[in-house]
PDB file of all heavy atoms in Angstrom:
ATOM      1  N   ILE A   1     113.586  25.724 126.781  1.00  0.00           N
ATOM      2  CA  ILE A   1     112.763  26.799 127.337  1.00  0.00           C
ATOM      3  C   ILE A   1     112.786  26.759 128.858  1.00  0.00           C
ATOM      4  O   ILE A   1     112.822  27.798 129.520  1.00  0.00           O
ATOM      5  CB  ILE A   1     111.318  26.699 126.800  1.00  0.00           C
ATOM      6  CG1 ILE A   1     111.288  27.080 125.314  1.00  0.00           C
ATOM      7  CG2 ILE A   1     110.361  27.593 127.601  1.00  0.00           C
ATOM      8  CD1 ILE A   1     109.979  26.786 124.619  1.00  0.00           C
ATOM      9  N   ASN A   2     112.807  25.568 129.433  1.00  0.00           N
ATOM     10  CA  ASN A   2     112.768  25.440 130.891  1.00  0.00           C
ATOM     11  C   ASN A   2     114.126  25.583 131.563  1.00  0.00           C
ATOM     12  O   ASN A   2     114.207  25.654 132.789  1.00  0.00           O
ATOM     13  CB  ASN A   2     112.132  24.101 131.281  1.00  0.00           C
ATOM     14  CG  ASN A   2     110.622  24.157 131.232  1.00  0.00           C
ATOM     15  OD1 ASN A   2     109.986  24.649 132.156  1.00  0.00           O
ATOM     16  ND2 ASN A   2     110.037  23.693 130.147  1.00  0.00           N
ATOM     17  N   THR A   3     115.196  25.621 130.779  1.00  0.00           N
ATOM     18  CA  THR A   3     116.531  25.784 131.385  1.00  0.00           C
ATOM     19  C   THR A   3     117.195  27.091 130.973  1.00  0.00           C
ATOM     20  O   THR A   3     118.201  27.477 131.557  1.00  0.00           O
ATOM     21  CB  THR A   3     117.457  24.610 131.005  1.00  0.00           C
ATOM     22  OG1 THR A   3     117.507  24.483 129.574  1.00  0.00           O
ATOM     23  CG2 THR A   3     116.965  23.312 131.607  1.00  0.00           C
ATOM     24  N   LEU A   4     116.632  27.771 129.969  1.00  0.00           N
ATOM     25  CA  LEU A   4     117.156  29.079 129.577  1.00  0.00           C
ATOM     26  C   LEU A   4     116.540  30.125 130.491  1.00  0.00           C
ATOM     27  O   LEU A   4     115.326  30.268 130.551  1.00  0.00           O
ATOM     28  CB  LEU A   4     116.774  29.377 128.117  1.00  0.00           C
ATOM     29  CG  LEU A   4     117.132  30.762 127.598  1.00  0.00           C
ATOM     30  CD1 LEU A   4     118.649  30.898 127.466  1.00  0.00           C
ATOM     31  CD2 LEU A   4     116.475  31.025 126.248  1.00  0.00           C
ATOM     32  N   MET A   5     117.368  30.865 131.220  1.00  0.00           N
ATOM     33  CA  MET A   5     116.853  31.840 132.174  1.00  0.00           C
ATOM     34  C   MET A   5     117.053  33.264 131.668  1.00  0.00           C
ATOM     35  O   MET A   5     118.057  33.578 131.046  1.00  0.00           O
ATOM     36  CB  MET A   5     117.574  31.681 133.531  1.00  0.00           C
ATOM     37  CG  MET A   5     117.291  30.362 134.209  1.00  0.00           C
ATOM     38  SD  MET A   5     115.552  30.192 134.660  1.00  0.00           S
ATOM     39  CE  MET A   5     115.445  28.427 134.983  1.00  0.00           C
ATOM     40  N   THR A   6     116.071  34.125 131.965  1.00  0.00           N
ATOM     41  CA  THR A   6     116.225  35.544 131.676  1.00  0.00           C
ATOM     42  C   THR A   6     117.115  36.163 132.742  1.00  0.00           C
ATOM     43  O   THR A   6     117.529  35.503 133.693  1.00  0.00           O
ATOM     44  CB  THR A   6     114.853  36.247 131.659  1.00  0.00           C
ATOM     45  OG1 THR A   6     114.230  36.050 132.933  1.00  0.00           O
ATOM     46  CG2 THR A   6     113.962  35.675 130.580  1.00  0.00           C
ATOM     47  N   SER A   7     117.375  37.451 132.609  1.00  0.00           N
ATOM     48  CA  SER A   7     118.328  38.106 133.513  1.00  0.00           C
ATOM     49  C   SER A   7     117.880  38.093 134.973  1.00  0.00           C
ATOM     50  O   SER A   7     118.702  38.183 135.877  1.00  0.00           O
ATOM     51  CB  SER A   7     118.581  39.551 133.057  1.00  0.00           C
ATOM     52  OG  SER A   7     117.354  40.261 132.989  1.00  0.00           O
ATOM     53  N   ASN A   8     116.563  37.985 135.221  1.00  0.00           N
ATOM     54  CA  ASN A   8     116.100  37.951 136.615  1.00  0.00           C
ATOM     55  C   ASN A   8     115.814  36.528 137.103  1.00  0.00           C
ATOM     56  O   ASN A   8     115.163  36.327 138.122  1.00  0.00           O
ATOM     57  CB  ASN A   8     114.861  38.837 136.784  1.00  0.00           C
ATOM     58  CG  ASN A   8     113.651  38.297 136.044  1.00  0.00           C
ATOM     59  OD1 ASN A   8     113.769  37.347 135.279  1.00  0.00           O
ATOM     60  ND2 ASN A   8     112.492  38.897 136.263  1.00  0.00           N
ATOM     61  N   GLY A   9     116.287  35.536 136.353  1.00  0.00           N
ATOM     62  CA  GLY A   9     116.197  34.152 136.810  1.00  0.00           C
ATOM     63  C   GLY A   9     114.923  33.427 136.455  1.00  0.00           C
ATOM     64  O   GLY A   9     114.688  32.311 136.916  1.00  0.00           O
ATOM     65  N   GLN A  10     114.076  34.017 135.615  1.00  0.00           N
ATOM     66  CA  GLN A  10     112.837  33.361 135.202  1.00  0.00           C
ATOM     67  C   GLN A  10     113.037  32.612 133.892  1.00  0.00           C
ATOM     68  O   GLN A  10     113.872  32.984 133.075  1.00  0.00           O
ATOM     69  CB  GLN A  10     111.735  34.400 134.988  1.00  0.00           C
ATOM     70  CG  GLN A  10     111.176  35.003 136.267  1.00  0.00           C
ATOM     71  CD  GLN A  10     110.015  35.926 135.957  1.00  0.00           C
ATOM     72  OE1 GLN A  10     110.105  36.780 135.095  1.00  0.00           O
ATOM     73  NE2 GLN A  10     108.910  35.752 136.670  1.00  0.00           N
ATOM     74  N   ALA A  11     112.219  31.561 133.726  1.00  0.00           N
ATOM     75  CA  ALA A  11     112.135  30.942 132.402  1.00  0.00           C
ATOM     76  C   ALA A  11     111.418  31.912 131.477  1.00  0.00           C
ATOM     77  O   ALA A  11     110.536  32.651 131.917  1.00  0.00           O
ATOM     78  CB  ALA A  11     111.370  29.622 132.482  1.00  0.00           C
ATOM     79  N   PRO A  12     111.781  31.959 130.201  1.00  0.00           N
ATOM     80  CA  PRO A  12     111.119  32.901 129.288  1.00  0.00           C
ATOM     81  C   PRO A  12     109.638  32.562 129.109  1.00  0.00           C
ATOM     82  O   PRO A  12     109.264  31.396 129.032  1.00  0.00           O
ATOM     83  CB  PRO A  12     111.892  32.733 127.975  1.00  0.00           C
ATOM     84  CG  PRO A  12     112.568  31.413 128.073  1.00  0.00           C
ATOM     85  CD  PRO A  12     112.829  31.175 129.525  1.00  0.00           C
ATOM     86  N   PHE A  13     108.804  33.596 129.054  1.00  0.00           N
ATOM     87  CA  PHE A  13     107.354  33.409 128.922  1.00  0.00           C
ATOM     88  C   PHE A  13     107.020  33.096 127.468  1.00  0.00           C
ATOM     89  O   PHE A  13     106.651  33.970 126.690  1.00  0.00           O
ATOM     90  CB  PHE A  13     106.619  34.674 129.380  1.00  0.00           C
ATOM     91  CG  PHE A  13     106.522  34.821 130.870  1.00  0.00           C
ATOM     92  CD1 PHE A  13     107.464  34.237 131.711  1.00  0.00           C
ATOM     93  CD2 PHE A  13     105.497  35.543 131.447  1.00  0.00           C
ATOM     94  CE1 PHE A  13     107.379  34.376 133.090  1.00  0.00           C
ATOM     95  CE2 PHE A  13     105.398  35.687 132.828  1.00  0.00           C
ATOM     96  CZ  PHE A  13     106.340  35.100 133.648  1.00  0.00           C
ATOM     97  N   VAL A  14     107.141  31.832 127.110  1.00  0.00           N
ATOM     98  CA  VAL A  14     106.939  31.390 125.732  1.00  0.00           C
ATOM     99  C   VAL A  14     105.596  30.667 125.618  1.00  0.00           C
ATOM    100  O   VAL A  14     105.231  29.882 126.489  1.00  0.00           O
ATOM    101  CB  VAL A  14     108.087  30.440 125.293  1.00  0.00           C
ATOM    102  CG1 VAL A  14     107.813  29.876 123.905  1.00  0.00           C
ATOM    103  CG2 VAL A  14     109.412  31.181 125.319  1.00  0.00           C
ATOM    104  N   THR A  15     104.882  30.953 124.531  1.00  0.00           N
ATOM    105  CA  THR A  15     103.612  30.288 124.253  1.00  0.00           C
ATOM    106  C   THR A  15     103.705  29.540 122.927  1.00  0.00           C
ATOM    107  O   THR A  15     104.130  30.113 121.924  1.00  0.00           O
ATOM    108  CB  THR A  15     102.463  31.313 124.191  1.00  0.00           C
ATOM    109  OG1 THR A  15     102.304  31.907 125.476  1.00  0.00           O
ATOM    110  CG2 THR A  15     101.155  30.653 123.781  1.00  0.00           C
ATOM    111  N   LEU A  16     103.319  28.268 122.918  1.00  0.00           N
ATOM    112  CA  LEU A  16     103.246  27.488 121.687  1.00  0.00           C
ATOM    113  C   LEU A  16     101.784  27.418 121.249  1.00  0.00           C
ATOM    114  O   LEU A  16     100.915  26.989 122.010  1.00  0.00           O
ATOM    115  CB  LEU A  16     103.791  26.068 121.902  1.00  0.00           C
ATOM    116  CG  LEU A  16     105.249  25.973 122.380  1.00  0.00           C
ATOM    117  CD1 LEU A  16     105.672  24.504 122.463  1.00  0.00           C
ATOM    118  CD2 LEU A  16     106.186  26.735 121.479  1.00  0.00           C
ATOM    119  N   PHE A  17     101.517  27.872 120.032  1.00  0.00           N
ATOM    120  CA  PHE A  17     100.156  28.023 119.512  1.00  0.00           C
ATOM    121  C   PHE A  17      99.874  26.891 118.532  1.00  0.00           C
ATOM    122  O   PHE A  17     100.524  26.783 117.491  1.00  0.00           O
ATOM    123  CB  PHE A  17     100.065  29.381 118.805  1.00  0.00           C
ATOM    124  CG  PHE A  17      98.691  29.779 118.365  1.00  0.00           C
ATOM    125  CD1 PHE A  17      97.732  30.164 119.295  1.00  0.00           C
ATOM    126  CD2 PHE A  17      98.356  29.823 117.027  1.00  0.00           C
ATOM    127  CE1 PHE A  17      96.461  30.570 118.893  1.00  0.00           C
ATOM    128  CE2 PHE A  17      97.096  30.223 116.607  1.00  0.00           C
ATOM    129  CZ  PHE A  17      96.149  30.605 117.543  1.00  0.00           C
ATOM    130  N   MET A  18      98.910  26.045 118.851  1.00  0.00           N
ATOM    131  CA  MET A  18      98.664  24.822 118.089  1.00  0.00           C
ATOM    132  C   MET A  18      97.320  24.909 117.358  1.00  0.00           C
ATOM    133  O   MET A  18      96.260  24.785 117.957  1.00  0.00           O
ATOM    134  CB  MET A  18      98.685  23.617 119.031  1.00  0.00           C
ATOM    135  CG  MET A  18     100.002  23.481 119.798  1.00  0.00           C
ATOM    136  SD  MET A  18     100.023  22.078 120.945  1.00  0.00           S
ATOM    137  CE  MET A  18      98.895  22.651 122.201  1.00  0.00           C
ATOM    138  N   HIS A  19      97.390  25.117 116.047  1.00  0.00           N
ATOM    139  CA  HIS A  19      96.185  25.330 115.248  1.00  0.00           C
ATOM    140  C   HIS A  19      96.200  24.415 114.026  1.00  0.00           C
ATOM    141  O   HIS A  19      97.130  24.456 113.228  1.00  0.00           O
ATOM    142  CB  HIS A  19      96.124  26.802 114.796  1.00  0.00           C
ATOM    143  CG  HIS A  19      94.867  27.146 114.050  1.00  0.00           C
ATOM    144  ND1 HIS A  19      94.738  28.283 113.288  1.00  0.00           N
ATOM    145  CD2 HIS A  19      93.668  26.494 113.940  1.00  0.00           C
ATOM    146  CE1 HIS A  19      93.525  28.332 112.757  1.00  0.00           C
ATOM    147  NE2 HIS A  19      92.862  27.257 113.128  1.00  0.00           N
ATOM    148  N   THR A  20      95.174  23.605 113.888  1.00  0.00           N
ATOM    149  CA  THR A  20      95.040  22.742 112.709  1.00  0.00           C
ATOM    150  C   THR A  20      94.369  23.548 111.596  1.00  0.00           C
ATOM    151  O   THR A  20      93.216  23.305 111.227  1.00  0.00           O
ATOM    152  CB  THR A  20      94.225  21.468 113.033  1.00  0.00           C
ATOM    153  OG1 THR A  20      92.990  21.859 113.654  1.00  0.00           O
ATOM    154  CG2 THR A  20      94.992  20.560 113.973  1.00  0.00           C
ATOM    155  N   ASP A  21      95.097  24.509 111.080  1.00  0.00           N
ATOM    156  CA  ASP A  21      94.580  25.462 110.093  1.00  0.00           C
ATOM    157  C   ASP A  21      94.574  24.832 108.703  1.00  0.00           C
ATOM    158  O   ASP A  21      95.622  24.435 108.185  1.00  0.00           O
ATOM    159  CB  ASP A  21      95.477  26.714 110.118  1.00  0.00           C
ATOM    160  CG  ASP A  21      95.002  27.791 109.157  1.00  0.00           C
ATOM    161  OD1 ASP A  21      93.969  27.602 108.506  1.00  0.00           O
ATOM    162  OD2 ASP A  21      95.693  28.831 109.071  1.00  0.00           O
ATOM    163  N   GLU A  22      93.406  24.765 108.096  1.00  0.00           N
ATOM    164  CA  GLU A  22      93.286  24.134 106.776  1.00  0.00           C
ATOM    165  C   GLU A  22      94.051  24.893 105.688  1.00  0.00           C
ATOM    166  O   GLU A  22      94.331  24.353 104.621  1.00  0.00           O
ATOM    167  CB  GLU A  22      91.804  24.026 106.378  1.00  0.00           C
ATOM    168  CG  GLU A  22      90.988  23.077 107.253  1.00  0.00           C
ATOM    169  CD  GLU A  22      91.392  21.612 107.101  1.00  0.00           C
ATOM    170  OE1 GLU A  22      92.124  21.283 106.146  1.00  0.00           O
ATOM    171  OE2 GLU A  22      90.969  20.794 107.940  1.00  0.00           O
ATOM    172  N   ASN A  23      94.400  26.163 105.938  1.00  0.00           N
ATOM    173  CA  ASN A  23      95.181  26.938 104.981  1.00  0.00           C
ATOM    174  C   ASN A  23      96.688  26.756 105.149  1.00  0.00           C
ATOM    175  O   ASN A  23      97.471  27.335 104.400  1.00  0.00           O
ATOM    176  CB  ASN A  23      94.835  28.425 105.117  1.00  0.00           C
ATOM    177  CG  ASN A  23      93.381  28.712 104.769  1.00  0.00           C
ATOM    178  OD1 ASN A  23      92.871  28.200 103.778  1.00  0.00           O
ATOM    179  ND2 ASN A  23      92.712  29.501 105.595  1.00  0.00           N
ATOM    180  N   ASP A  24      97.074  25.966 106.130  1.00  0.00           N
ATOM    181  CA  ASP A  24      98.495  25.718 106.395  1.00  0.00           C
ATOM    182  C   ASP A  24      99.040  24.751 105.338  1.00  0.00           C
ATOM    183  O   ASP A  24      98.602  23.603 105.262  1.00  0.00           O
ATOM    184  CB  ASP A  24      98.635  25.116 107.800  1.00  0.00           C
ATOM    185  CG  ASP A  24     100.079  24.811 108.179  1.00  0.00           C
ATOM    186  OD1 ASP A  24     100.991  25.059 107.359  1.00  0.00           O
ATOM    187  OD2 ASP A  24     100.291  24.326 109.302  1.00  0.00           O
ATOM    188  N   PRO A  25     100.007  25.186 104.521  1.00  0.00           N
ATOM    189  CA  PRO A  25     100.550  24.288 103.491  1.00  0.00           C
ATOM    190  C   PRO A  25     101.292  23.093 104.079  1.00  0.00           C
ATOM    191  O   PRO A  25     101.529  22.100 103.389  1.00  0.00           O
ATOM    192  CB  PRO A  25     101.493  25.191 102.688  1.00  0.00           C
ATOM    193  CG  PRO A  25     101.839  26.298 103.622  1.00  0.00           C
ATOM    194  CD  PRO A  25     100.633  26.517 104.472  1.00  0.00           C
ATOM    195  N   TYR A  26     101.656  23.174 105.360  1.00  0.00           N
ATOM    196  CA  TYR A  26     102.357  22.075 106.034  1.00  0.00           C
ATOM    197  C   TYR A  26     101.470  21.430 107.099  1.00  0.00           C
ATOM    198  O   TYR A  26     101.957  20.988 108.142  1.00  0.00           O
ATOM    199  CB  TYR A  26     103.648  22.594 106.680  1.00  0.00           C
ATOM    200  CG  TYR A  26     104.628  23.160 105.687  1.00  0.00           C
ATOM    201  CD1 TYR A  26     104.736  24.534 105.493  1.00  0.00           C
ATOM    202  CD2 TYR A  26     105.447  22.322 104.930  1.00  0.00           C
ATOM    203  CE1 TYR A  26     105.638  25.060 104.573  1.00  0.00           C
ATOM    204  CE2 TYR A  26     106.350  22.836 104.009  1.00  0.00           C
ATOM    205  CZ  TYR A  26     106.431  24.206 103.837  1.00  0.00           C
ATOM    206  OH  TYR A  26     107.323  24.719 102.923  1.00  0.00           O
ATOM    207  N   LEU A  27     100.161  21.384 106.843  1.00  0.00           N
ATOM    208  CA  LEU A  27      99.223  20.929 107.866  1.00  0.00           C
ATOM    209  C   LEU A  27      99.536  19.524 108.372  1.00  0.00           C
ATOM    210  O   LEU A  27      99.466  19.256 109.571  1.00  0.00           O
ATOM    211  CB  LEU A  27      97.787  20.995 107.338  1.00  0.00           C
ATOM    212  CG  LEU A  27      96.690  20.581 108.324  1.00  0.00           C
ATOM    213  CD1 LEU A  27      96.760  21.391 109.607  1.00  0.00           C
ATOM    214  CD2 LEU A  27      95.308  20.721 107.686  1.00  0.00           C
ATOM    215  N   ASP A  28      99.894  18.599 107.481  1.00  0.00           N
ATOM    216  CA  ASP A  28     100.194  17.231 107.915  1.00  0.00           C
ATOM    217  C   ASP A  28     101.343  17.207 108.917  1.00  0.00           C
ATOM    218  O   ASP A  28     101.297  16.500 109.929  1.00  0.00           O
ATOM    219  CB  ASP A  28     100.535  16.350 106.707  1.00  0.00           C
ATOM    220  CG  ASP A  28      99.317  16.065 105.834  1.00  0.00           C
ATOM    221  OD1 ASP A  28      98.181  16.275 106.322  1.00  0.00           O
ATOM    222  OD2 ASP A  28      99.500  15.645 104.674  1.00  0.00           O
ATOM    223  N   GLN A  29     102.379  18.002 108.631  1.00  0.00           N
ATOM    224  CA  GLN A  29     103.518  18.075 109.542  1.00  0.00           C
ATOM    225  C   GLN A  29     103.132  18.794 110.845  1.00  0.00           C
ATOM    226  O   GLN A  29     103.534  18.388 111.938  1.00  0.00           O
ATOM    227  CB  GLN A  29     104.700  18.801 108.870  1.00  0.00           C
ATOM    228  CG  GLN A  29     105.325  18.015 107.725  1.00  0.00           C
ATOM    229  CD  GLN A  29     104.709  18.363 106.377  1.00  0.00           C
ATOM    230  OE1 GLN A  29     103.532  18.714 106.283  1.00  0.00           O
ATOM    231  NE2 GLN A  29     105.505  18.259 105.325  1.00  0.00           N
ATOM    232  N   THR A  30     102.331  19.852 110.698  1.00  0.00           N
ATOM    233  CA  THR A  30     101.884  20.605 111.874  1.00  0.00           C
ATOM    234  C   THR A  30     101.114  19.699 112.829  1.00  0.00           C
ATOM    235  O   THR A  30     101.314  19.742 114.048  1.00  0.00           O
ATOM    236  CB  THR A  30     100.991  21.786 111.445  1.00  0.00           C
ATOM    237  OG1 THR A  30     101.755  22.666 110.625  1.00  0.00           O
ATOM    238  CG2 THR A  30     100.468  22.554 112.651  1.00  0.00           C
ATOM    239  N   VAL A  31     100.237  18.876 112.281  1.00  0.00           N
ATOM    240  CA  VAL A  31      99.422  17.968 113.096  1.00  0.00           C
ATOM    241  C   VAL A  31     100.315  16.999 113.873  1.00  0.00           C
ATOM    242  O   VAL A  31     100.092  16.729 115.059  1.00  0.00           O
ATOM    243  CB  VAL A  31      98.425  17.202 112.202  1.00  0.00           C
ATOM    244  CG1 VAL A  31      97.820  16.008 112.936  1.00  0.00           C
ATOM    245  CG2 VAL A  31      97.322  18.142 111.724  1.00  0.00           C
ATOM    246  N   ARG A  32     101.346  16.496 113.213  1.00  0.00           N
ATOM    247  CA  ARG A  32     102.264  15.565 113.901  1.00  0.00           C
ATOM    248  C   ARG A  32     103.041  16.273 115.004  1.00  0.00           C
ATOM    249  O   ARG A  32     103.298  15.696 116.072  1.00  0.00           O
ATOM    250  CB  ARG A  32     103.221  14.938 112.885  1.00  0.00           C
ATOM    251  CG  ARG A  32     102.526  13.958 111.936  1.00  0.00           C
ATOM    252  CD  ARG A  32     103.480  13.380 110.925  1.00  0.00           C
ATOM    253  NE  ARG A  32     104.537  12.598 111.546  1.00  0.00           N
ATOM    254  CZ  ARG A  32     105.588  12.111 110.885  1.00  0.00           C
ATOM    255  NH1 ARG A  32     105.704  12.329 109.581  1.00  0.00           N
ATOM    256  NH2 ARG A  32     106.501  11.403 111.508  1.00  0.00           N
ATOM    257  N   ILE A  33     103.415  17.522 114.752  1.00  0.00           N
ATOM    258  CA  ILE A  33     104.126  18.301 115.769  1.00  0.00           C
ATOM    259  C   ILE A  33     103.216  18.558 116.975  1.00  0.00           C
ATOM    260  O   ILE A  33     103.637  18.384 118.130  1.00  0.00           O
ATOM    261  CB  ILE A  33     104.638  19.640 115.176  1.00  0.00           C
ATOM    262  CG1 ILE A  33     105.761  19.367 114.173  1.00  0.00           C
ATOM    263  CG2 ILE A  33     105.131  20.580 116.282  1.00  0.00           C
ATOM    264  CD1 ILE A  33     106.140  20.572 113.323  1.00  0.00           C
ATOM    265  N   ILE A  34     101.967  18.941 116.716  1.00  0.00           N
ATOM    266  CA  ILE A  34     101.007  19.181 117.799  1.00  0.00           C
ATOM    267  C   ILE A  34     100.834  17.920 118.646  1.00  0.00           C
ATOM    268  O   ILE A  34     100.850  17.963 119.877  1.00  0.00           O
ATOM    269  CB  ILE A  34      99.642  19.628 117.230  1.00  0.00           C
ATOM    270  CG1 ILE A  34      99.757  21.027 116.624  1.00  0.00           C
ATOM    271  CG2 ILE A  34      98.558  19.604 118.314  1.00  0.00           C
ATOM    272  CD1 ILE A  34      98.513  21.477 115.855  1.00  0.00           C
ATOM    273  N   GLU A  35     100.672  16.792 117.976  1.00  0.00           N
ATOM    274  CA  GLU A  35     100.488  15.523 118.697  1.00  0.00           C
ATOM    275  C   GLU A  35     101.674  15.234 119.610  1.00  0.00           C
ATOM    276  O   GLU A  35     101.503  14.842 120.768  1.00  0.00           O
ATOM    277  CB  GLU A  35     100.294  14.379 117.702  1.00  0.00           C
ATOM    278  CG  GLU A  35     100.029  13.037 118.373  1.00  0.00           C
ATOM    279  CD  GLU A  35      99.760  11.919 117.382  1.00  0.00           C
ATOM    280  OE1 GLU A  35     100.026  12.112 116.163  1.00  0.00           O
ATOM    281  OE2 GLU A  35      99.302  10.847 117.806  1.00  0.00           O
ATOM    282  N   GLU A  36     102.873  15.470 119.112  1.00  0.00           N
ATOM    283  CA  GLU A  36     104.072  15.186 119.906  1.00  0.00           C
ATOM    284  C   GLU A  36     104.212  16.164 121.073  1.00  0.00           C
ATOM    285  O   GLU A  36     104.618  15.773 122.178  1.00  0.00           O
ATOM    286  CB  GLU A  36     105.324  15.227 119.020  1.00  0.00           C
ATOM    287  CG  GLU A  36     106.590  14.715 119.704  1.00  0.00           C
ATOM    288  CD  GLU A  36     106.463  13.299 120.237  1.00  0.00           C
ATOM    289  OE1 GLU A  36     105.811  12.455 119.584  1.00  0.00           O
ATOM    290  OE2 GLU A  36     107.018  13.022 121.329  1.00  0.00           O
ATOM    291  N   ILE A  37     103.880  17.431 120.848  1.00  0.00           N
ATOM    292  CA  ILE A  37     103.918  18.419 121.936  1.00  0.00           C
ATOM    293  C   ILE A  37     102.983  17.979 123.064  1.00  0.00           C
ATOM    294  O   ILE A  37     103.356  18.001 124.247  1.00  0.00           O
ATOM    295  CB  ILE A  37     103.515  19.819 121.423  1.00  0.00           C
ATOM    296  CG1 ILE A  37     104.609  20.405 120.517  1.00  0.00           C
ATOM    297  CG2 ILE A  37     103.241  20.775 122.591  1.00  0.00           C
ATOM    298  CD1 ILE A  37     104.196  21.679 119.799  1.00  0.00           C
ATOM    299  N   LEU A  38     101.768  17.568 122.708  1.00  0.00           N
ATOM    300  CA  LEU A  38     100.783  17.152 123.710  1.00  0.00           C
ATOM    301  C   LEU A  38     101.224  15.885 124.448  1.00  0.00           C
ATOM    302  O   LEU A  38     101.074  15.778 125.666  1.00  0.00           O
ATOM    303  CB  LEU A  38      99.423  16.936 123.049  1.00  0.00           C
ATOM    304  CG  LEU A  38      98.719  18.203 122.536  1.00  0.00           C
ATOM    305  CD1 LEU A  38      97.513  17.841 121.690  1.00  0.00           C
ATOM    306  CD2 LEU A  38      98.303  19.103 123.700  1.00  0.00           C
ATOM    307  N   LYS A  39     101.781  14.936 123.716  1.00  0.00           N
ATOM    308  CA  LYS A  39     102.234  13.690 124.353  1.00  0.00           C
ATOM    309  C   LYS A  39     103.335  13.964 125.375  1.00  0.00           C
ATOM    310  O   LYS A  39     103.335  13.405 126.478  1.00  0.00           O
ATOM    311  CB  LYS A  39     102.739  12.708 123.284  1.00  0.00           C
ATOM    312  CG  LYS A  39     101.637  11.991 122.525  1.00  0.00           C
ATOM    313  CD  LYS A  39     102.227  11.036 121.495  1.00  0.00           C
ATOM    314  CE  LYS A  39     101.141  10.252 120.759  1.00  0.00           C
ATOM    315  NZ  LYS A  39     101.709   9.365 119.721  1.00  0.00           N
TER     316      LYS A  39
END
């Protein structure tokens, strides 16, 4: 994300949304991904 540039030389405006949603069938994996993103 930080090295891919748009046509005007900007990094793409990407947002990562981190939600420990109890309805998420992959919640255990999601939690581990969130932890690693934050670290």
